[in-house]
Amino acid sequence: QVHVMESGGGLVQTGGSLRLTCADPRVITSVFRSDNMAWYRQVPGNSRQLVASIASGGDTNYADSVKSRFTMSRDNARKRVILQMNNLKPEDTGVYYCAIERRGSKYWGQGTQVTVSS
């Protein structure tokens, strides 16, 4: 059973910061170390779009719209990943979903709302 637990969304003004956390606290560390992790954003009427990802080895990938503003990192000891979002813009608004790719399958969290006011 995979438990994708997200936290950290909220309401912030333009230029502010938020930190999203995604964890699977019940998994053993050696399994988590092999997971690829990602954050997606979805706005009403659109499909989920990749925002950032981090591979098991630590390589990161970002959507062009968030490069230099967002940073994704992983803490294997705590079995979690963090998405640090700085200089937020209204277009960053949406529901953010964490995805865990484990042993060929993808597991989704429930999503956390991020709202950036202008």
N, C-alpha and C. Protein backbone atom coordinates (compact mmCIF):
# COMPACT_ATOMS: atom_id res chain seq x y z
N GLN A 1 0.85 -1.18 0.00
CA GLN A 1 0.00 0.00 0.00
C GLN A 1 0.89 1.25 0.00
N VAL A 2 0.62 2.15 -0.92
CA VAL A 2 1.39 3.38 -1.02
C VAL A 2 0.55 4.52 -0.45
N HIS A 3 1.14 5.25 0.46
CA HIS A 3 0.45 6.38 1.08
C HIS A 3 1.17 7.66 0.67
N VAL A 4 0.55 8.40 -0.20
CA VAL A 4 1.13 9.65 -0.68
C VAL A 4 0.52 10.78 0.13
N MET A 5 1.32 11.39 0.96
CA MET A 5 0.83 12.43 1.86
C MET A 5 1.43 13.77 1.46
N GLU A 6 0.56 14.71 1.12
CA GLU A 6 0.99 16.04 0.69
C GLU A 6 0.62 17.06 1.76
N SER A 7 1.41 18.11 1.83
CA SER A 7 1.10 19.21 2.74
C SER A 7 1.78 20.47 2.24
N GLY A 8 1.28 21.61 2.70
CA GLY A 8 1.97 22.86 2.46
C GLY A 8 1.30 23.85 1.54
N GLY A 9 0.16 23.51 0.97
CA GLY A 9 -0.51 24.47 0.11
C GLY A 9 -1.09 25.62 0.92
N GLY A 10 -1.65 26.59 0.20
CA GLY A 10 -2.27 27.71 0.88
C GLY A 10 -2.43 28.90 -0.03
N LEU A 11 -2.73 30.03 0.59
CA LEU A 11 -2.94 31.29 -0.11
C LEU A 11 -1.77 32.21 0.16
N VAL A 12 -1.23 32.80 -0.90
CA VAL A 12 -0.09 33.68 -0.75
C VAL A 12 -0.21 34.80 -1.79
N GLN A 13 0.40 35.92 -1.51
CA GLN A 13 0.39 37.02 -2.45
C GLN A 13 1.50 36.85 -3.49
N THR A 14 1.33 37.55 -4.59
CA THR A 14 2.36 37.54 -5.63
C THR A 14 3.72 37.91 -5.04
N GLY A 15 4.73 37.11 -5.42
CA GLY A 15 6.06 37.33 -4.89
C GLY A 15 6.37 36.54 -3.62
N GLY A 16 5.36 35.92 -3.05
CA GLY A 16 5.55 35.15 -1.83
C GLY A 16 6.11 33.76 -2.10
N SER A 17 6.22 32.99 -1.01
CA SER A 17 6.80 31.65 -1.09
C SER A 17 5.91 30.64 -0.38
N LEU A 18 5.97 29.41 -0.87
CA LEU A 18 5.33 28.29 -0.22
C LEU A 18 6.24 27.08 -0.35
N ARG A 19 6.08 26.15 0.57
CA ARG A 19 6.83 24.91 0.51
C ARG A 19 5.87 23.74 0.58
N LEU A 20 5.94 22.91 -0.44
CA LEU A 20 5.11 21.71 -0.48
C LEU A 20 5.95 20.50 -0.11
N THR A 21 5.34 19.61 0.67
CA THR A 21 6.03 18.40 1.08
C THR A 21 5.20 17.19 0.67
N CYS A 22 5.88 16.17 0.21
CA CYS A 22 5.23 14.91 -0.17
C CYS A 22 6.02 13.78 0.47
N ALA A 23 5.31 12.91 1.16
CA ALA A 23 5.98 11.82 1.86
C ALA A 23 5.17 10.53 1.77
N ASP A 24 5.87 9.43 1.93
CA ASP A 24 5.24 8.13 2.10
C ASP A 24 5.85 7.53 3.38
N PRO A 25 5.31 7.89 4.52
CA PRO A 25 5.97 7.56 5.78
C PRO A 25 6.03 6.07 6.10
N ARG A 26 5.19 5.28 5.44
CA ARG A 26 5.16 3.87 5.79
C ARG A 26 6.11 3.01 4.98
N VAL A 27 6.70 3.61 3.94
CA VAL A 27 7.58 2.83 3.10
C VAL A 27 8.94 2.68 3.78
N ILE A 28 9.63 1.59 3.48
CA ILE A 28 10.97 1.46 4.04
C ILE A 28 11.94 2.32 3.21
N THR A 29 12.97 2.78 3.87
CA THR A 29 13.86 3.76 3.25
C THR A 29 14.49 3.24 1.96
N SER A 30 14.86 2.00 1.94
CA SER A 30 15.54 1.45 0.76
C SER A 30 14.63 1.46 -0.46
N VAL A 31 13.34 1.35 -0.25
CA VAL A 31 12.39 1.43 -1.37
C VAL A 31 12.24 2.88 -1.81
N PHE A 32 12.08 3.79 -0.84
CA PHE A 32 11.92 5.20 -1.18
C PHE A 32 13.11 5.72 -1.98
N ARG A 33 14.30 5.25 -1.65
CA ARG A 33 15.50 5.71 -2.36
C ARG A 33 15.42 5.43 -3.85
N SER A 34 14.66 4.45 -4.24
CA SER A 34 14.55 4.06 -5.64
C SER A 34 13.39 4.74 -6.36
N ASP A 35 12.58 5.47 -5.61
CA ASP A 35 11.41 6.12 -6.20
C ASP A 35 11.81 7.34 -7.01
N ASN A 36 11.09 7.55 -8.10
CA ASN A 36 11.13 8.82 -8.80
C ASN A 36 9.90 9.61 -8.34
N MET A 37 10.08 10.90 -8.09
CA MET A 37 9.02 11.71 -7.51
C MET A 37 8.75 12.92 -8.40
N ALA A 38 7.52 13.39 -8.38
CA ALA A 38 7.19 14.55 -9.21
C ALA A 38 6.02 15.31 -8.61
N TRP A 39 5.95 16.57 -8.98
CA TRP A 39 4.80 17.43 -8.67
C TRP A 39 4.16 17.86 -9.99
N TYR A 40 2.84 17.78 -10.00
CA TYR A 40 2.05 18.23 -11.14
C TYR A 40 1.08 19.32 -10.67
N ARG A 41 0.67 20.16 -11.59
CA ARG A 41 -0.32 21.19 -11.31
C ARG A 41 -1.50 21.01 -12.26
N GLN A 42 -2.68 21.20 -11.70
CA GLN A 42 -3.89 21.12 -12.50
C GLN A 42 -4.79 22.31 -12.21
N VAL A 43 -5.28 22.93 -13.27
CA VAL A 43 -6.27 24.00 -13.16
C VAL A 43 -7.54 23.52 -13.82
N PRO A 44 -8.69 24.06 -13.42
CA PRO A 44 -9.97 23.57 -13.97
C PRO A 44 -10.00 23.59 -15.49
N GLY A 45 -10.44 22.48 -16.06
CA GLY A 45 -10.58 22.38 -17.50
C GLY A 45 -9.33 21.91 -18.22
N ASN A 46 -8.24 21.75 -17.47
CA ASN A 46 -6.98 21.33 -18.09
C ASN A 46 -6.49 20.03 -17.46
N SER A 47 -5.61 19.37 -18.17
CA SER A 47 -4.99 18.16 -17.63
C SER A 47 -3.85 18.54 -16.69
N ARG A 48 -3.39 17.56 -15.96
CA ARG A 48 -2.27 17.81 -15.05
C ARG A 48 -1.00 18.04 -15.85
N GLN A 49 -0.27 19.06 -15.44
CA GLN A 49 0.97 19.42 -16.11
C GLN A 49 2.14 19.23 -15.15
N LEU A 50 3.22 18.68 -15.67
CA LEU A 50 4.40 18.48 -14.84
C LEU A 50 5.00 19.82 -14.45
N VAL A 51 5.27 19.97 -13.15
CA VAL A 51 5.91 21.17 -12.64
C VAL A 51 7.39 20.90 -12.37
N ALA A 52 7.65 19.81 -11.65
CA ALA A 52 9.03 19.47 -11.30
C ALA A 52 9.11 17.99 -10.98
N SER A 53 10.28 17.43 -11.18
CA SER A 53 10.49 16.02 -10.86
C SER A 53 11.91 15.84 -10.33
N ILE A 54 12.07 14.76 -9.58
CA ILE A 54 13.40 14.41 -9.08
C ILE A 54 13.53 12.90 -9.16
N ALA A 55 14.61 12.47 -9.77
CA ALA A 55 14.83 11.05 -9.95
C ALA A 55 15.45 10.45 -8.69
N SER A 56 15.51 9.14 -8.66
CA SER A 56 16.06 8.46 -7.49
C SER A 56 17.51 8.90 -7.23
N GLY A 57 18.23 9.20 -8.30
CA GLY A 57 19.62 9.63 -8.15
C GLY A 57 19.79 11.10 -7.83
N GLY A 58 18.68 11.84 -7.82
CA GLY A 58 18.74 13.25 -7.45
C GLY A 58 18.65 14.22 -8.61
N ASP A 59 18.67 13.73 -9.85
CA ASP A 59 18.54 14.64 -10.99
C ASP A 59 17.14 15.28 -10.99
N THR A 60 17.10 16.57 -11.25
CA THR A 60 15.85 17.30 -11.25
C THR A 60 15.50 17.81 -12.65
N ASN A 61 14.20 18.04 -12.82
CA ASN A 61 13.70 18.57 -14.08
C ASN A 61 12.56 19.52 -13.75
N TYR A 62 12.51 20.66 -14.45
CA TYR A 62 11.50 21.68 -14.16
C TYR A 62 10.80 22.14 -15.43
N ALA A 63 9.55 22.49 -15.28
CA ALA A 63 8.85 23.17 -16.36
C ALA A 63 9.50 24.52 -16.59
N ASP A 64 9.51 24.97 -17.83
CA ASP A 64 10.17 26.23 -18.15
C ASP A 64 9.60 27.38 -17.33
N SER A 65 8.31 27.33 -17.04
CA SER A 65 7.66 28.45 -16.36
C SER A 65 8.09 28.61 -14.91
N VAL A 66 8.71 27.57 -14.34
CA VAL A 66 9.09 27.65 -12.92
C VAL A 66 10.60 27.61 -12.70
N LYS A 67 11.35 27.41 -13.76
CA LYS A 67 12.81 27.37 -13.61
C LYS A 67 13.30 28.64 -12.95
N SER A 68 14.23 28.51 -12.07
CA SER A 68 14.88 29.57 -11.29
C SER A 68 14.00 30.06 -10.15
N ARG A 69 12.74 29.61 -10.08
CA ARG A 69 11.88 30.01 -8.97
C ARG A 69 11.56 28.85 -8.03
N PHE A 70 11.44 27.64 -8.59
CA PHE A 70 11.09 26.47 -7.81
C PHE A 70 12.32 25.57 -7.68
N THR A 71 12.42 24.93 -6.52
CA THR A 71 13.50 23.96 -6.29
C THR A 71 12.91 22.72 -5.64
N MET A 72 13.20 21.58 -6.25
CA MET A 72 12.74 20.31 -5.69
C MET A 72 13.93 19.55 -5.13
N SER A 73 13.73 19.00 -3.93
CA SER A 73 14.80 18.26 -3.29
C SER A 73 14.20 17.03 -2.61
N ARG A 74 15.06 16.11 -2.24
CA ARG A 74 14.58 14.91 -1.57
C ARG A 74 15.37 14.65 -0.29
N ASP A 75 14.67 14.13 0.68
CA ASP A 75 15.27 13.78 1.97
C ASP A 75 14.95 12.30 2.17
N ASN A 76 15.87 11.45 1.75
CA ASN A 76 15.59 10.02 1.79
C ASN A 76 15.44 9.50 3.22
N ALA A 77 16.17 10.09 4.13
CA ALA A 77 16.08 9.63 5.52
C ALA A 77 14.67 9.84 6.08
N ARG A 78 14.03 10.92 5.64
CA ARG A 78 12.67 11.21 6.10
C ARG A 78 11.61 10.74 5.10
N LYS A 79 12.09 10.14 4.01
CA LYS A 79 11.19 9.57 3.00
C LYS A 79 10.22 10.62 2.48
N ARG A 80 10.78 11.76 2.07
CA ARG A 80 9.94 12.83 1.59
C ARG A 80 10.67 13.65 0.54
N VAL A 81 9.91 14.40 -0.22
CA VAL A 81 10.45 15.39 -1.14
C VAL A 81 9.83 16.73 -0.81
N ILE A 82 10.55 17.77 -1.17
CA ILE A 82 10.12 19.14 -0.88
C ILE A 82 10.16 19.94 -2.17
N LEU A 83 9.12 20.70 -2.40
CA LEU A 83 9.10 21.65 -3.51
C LEU A 83 9.07 23.06 -2.91
N GLN A 84 10.17 23.74 -3.00
CA GLN A 84 10.26 25.12 -2.53
C GLN A 84 9.87 26.04 -3.67
N MET A 85 8.83 26.82 -3.46
CA MET A 85 8.31 27.71 -4.50
C MET A 85 8.50 29.16 -4.07
N ASN A 86 9.32 29.88 -4.80
CA ASN A 86 9.61 31.27 -4.50
C ASN A 86 9.11 32.18 -5.62
N ASN A 87 8.97 33.44 -5.28
CA ASN A 87 8.53 34.44 -6.27
C ASN A 87 7.28 33.95 -7.01
N LEU A 88 6.30 33.55 -6.25
CA LEU A 88 5.10 32.97 -6.84
C LEU A 88 4.32 33.99 -7.64
N LYS A 89 3.68 33.50 -8.69
CA LYS A 89 2.90 34.33 -9.60
C LYS A 89 1.46 33.80 -9.65
N PRO A 90 0.51 34.64 -10.02
CA PRO A 90 -0.88 34.17 -10.11
C PRO A 90 -1.05 32.94 -11.01
N GLU A 91 -0.23 32.84 -12.04
CA GLU A 91 -0.34 31.70 -12.95
C GLU A 91 0.15 30.40 -12.33
N ASP A 92 0.74 30.47 -11.14
CA ASP A 92 1.13 29.25 -10.42
C ASP A 92 -0.06 28.64 -9.67
N THR A 93 -1.17 29.34 -9.65
CA THR A 93 -2.35 28.86 -8.94
C THR A 93 -2.86 27.55 -9.52
N GLY A 94 -3.25 26.64 -8.65
CA GLY A 94 -3.81 25.38 -9.09
C GLY A 94 -3.75 24.35 -7.97
N VAL A 95 -4.21 23.17 -8.28
CA VAL A 95 -4.08 22.05 -7.34
C VAL A 95 -2.80 21.31 -7.70
N TYR A 96 -1.96 21.15 -6.71
CA TYR A 96 -0.68 20.49 -6.90
C TYR A 96 -0.78 19.04 -6.41
N TYR A 97 -0.40 18.14 -7.29
CA TYR A 97 -0.46 16.71 -6.98
C TYR A 97 0.95 16.13 -6.95
N CYS A 98 1.21 15.37 -5.92
CA CYS A 98 2.46 14.63 -5.85
C CYS A 98 2.27 13.26 -6.49
N ALA A 99 3.27 12.81 -7.21
CA ALA A 99 3.24 11.49 -7.82
C ALA A 99 4.49 10.73 -7.42
N ILE A 100 4.28 9.50 -7.01
CA ILE A 100 5.38 8.60 -6.69
C ILE A 100 5.43 7.52 -7.77
N GLU A 101 6.55 7.40 -8.41
CA GLU A 101 6.74 6.34 -9.40
C GLU A 101 7.57 5.24 -8.74
N ARG A 102 6.93 4.12 -8.53
CA ARG A 102 7.58 3.04 -7.78
C ARG A 102 7.34 1.73 -8.50
N ARG A 103 8.45 1.09 -8.84
CA ARG A 103 8.42 -0.23 -9.46
C ARG A 103 7.49 -0.27 -10.66
N GLY A 104 7.55 0.79 -11.48
CA GLY A 104 6.81 0.82 -12.73
C GLY A 104 5.40 1.34 -12.64
N SER A 105 4.93 1.66 -11.44
CA SER A 105 3.58 2.19 -11.28
C SER A 105 3.64 3.60 -10.70
N LYS A 106 2.62 4.39 -11.00
CA LYS A 106 2.55 5.75 -10.50
C LYS A 106 1.39 5.86 -9.52
N TYR A 107 1.67 6.51 -8.41
CA TYR A 107 0.68 6.68 -7.35
C TYR A 107 0.52 8.17 -7.08
N TRP A 108 -0.73 8.59 -6.92
CA TRP A 108 -1.04 10.01 -6.77
C TRP A 108 -1.54 10.33 -5.37
N GLY A 109 -1.20 11.54 -4.94
CA GLY A 109 -1.79 12.07 -3.73
C GLY A 109 -3.13 12.71 -4.01
N GLN A 110 -3.74 13.23 -2.96
CA GLN A 110 -5.07 13.83 -3.07
C GLN A 110 -5.02 15.25 -3.64
N GLY A 111 -3.86 15.86 -3.60
CA GLY A 111 -3.72 17.21 -4.12
C GLY A 111 -3.79 18.25 -3.01
N THR A 112 -3.10 19.34 -3.22
CA THR A 112 -3.14 20.46 -2.28
C THR A 112 -3.27 21.75 -3.07
N GLN A 113 -4.16 22.61 -2.61
CA GLN A 113 -4.47 23.85 -3.34
C GLN A 113 -3.41 24.91 -3.08
N VAL A 114 -2.95 25.52 -4.14
CA VAL A 114 -2.06 26.68 -4.07
C VAL A 114 -2.77 27.83 -4.79
N THR A 115 -2.94 28.92 -4.09
CA THR A 115 -3.59 30.10 -4.67
C THR A 115 -2.68 31.30 -4.48
N VAL A 116 -2.36 31.96 -5.59
CA VAL A 116 -1.51 33.14 -5.56
C VAL A 116 -2.35 34.33 -5.98
N SER A 117 -2.52 35.27 -5.08
CA SER A 117 -3.35 36.44 -5.37
C SER A 117 -2.50 37.55 -5.96
N SER A 118 -3.13 38.30 -6.85
CA SER A 118 -2.39 39.39 -7.51
C SER A 118 -2.50 40.69 -6.73
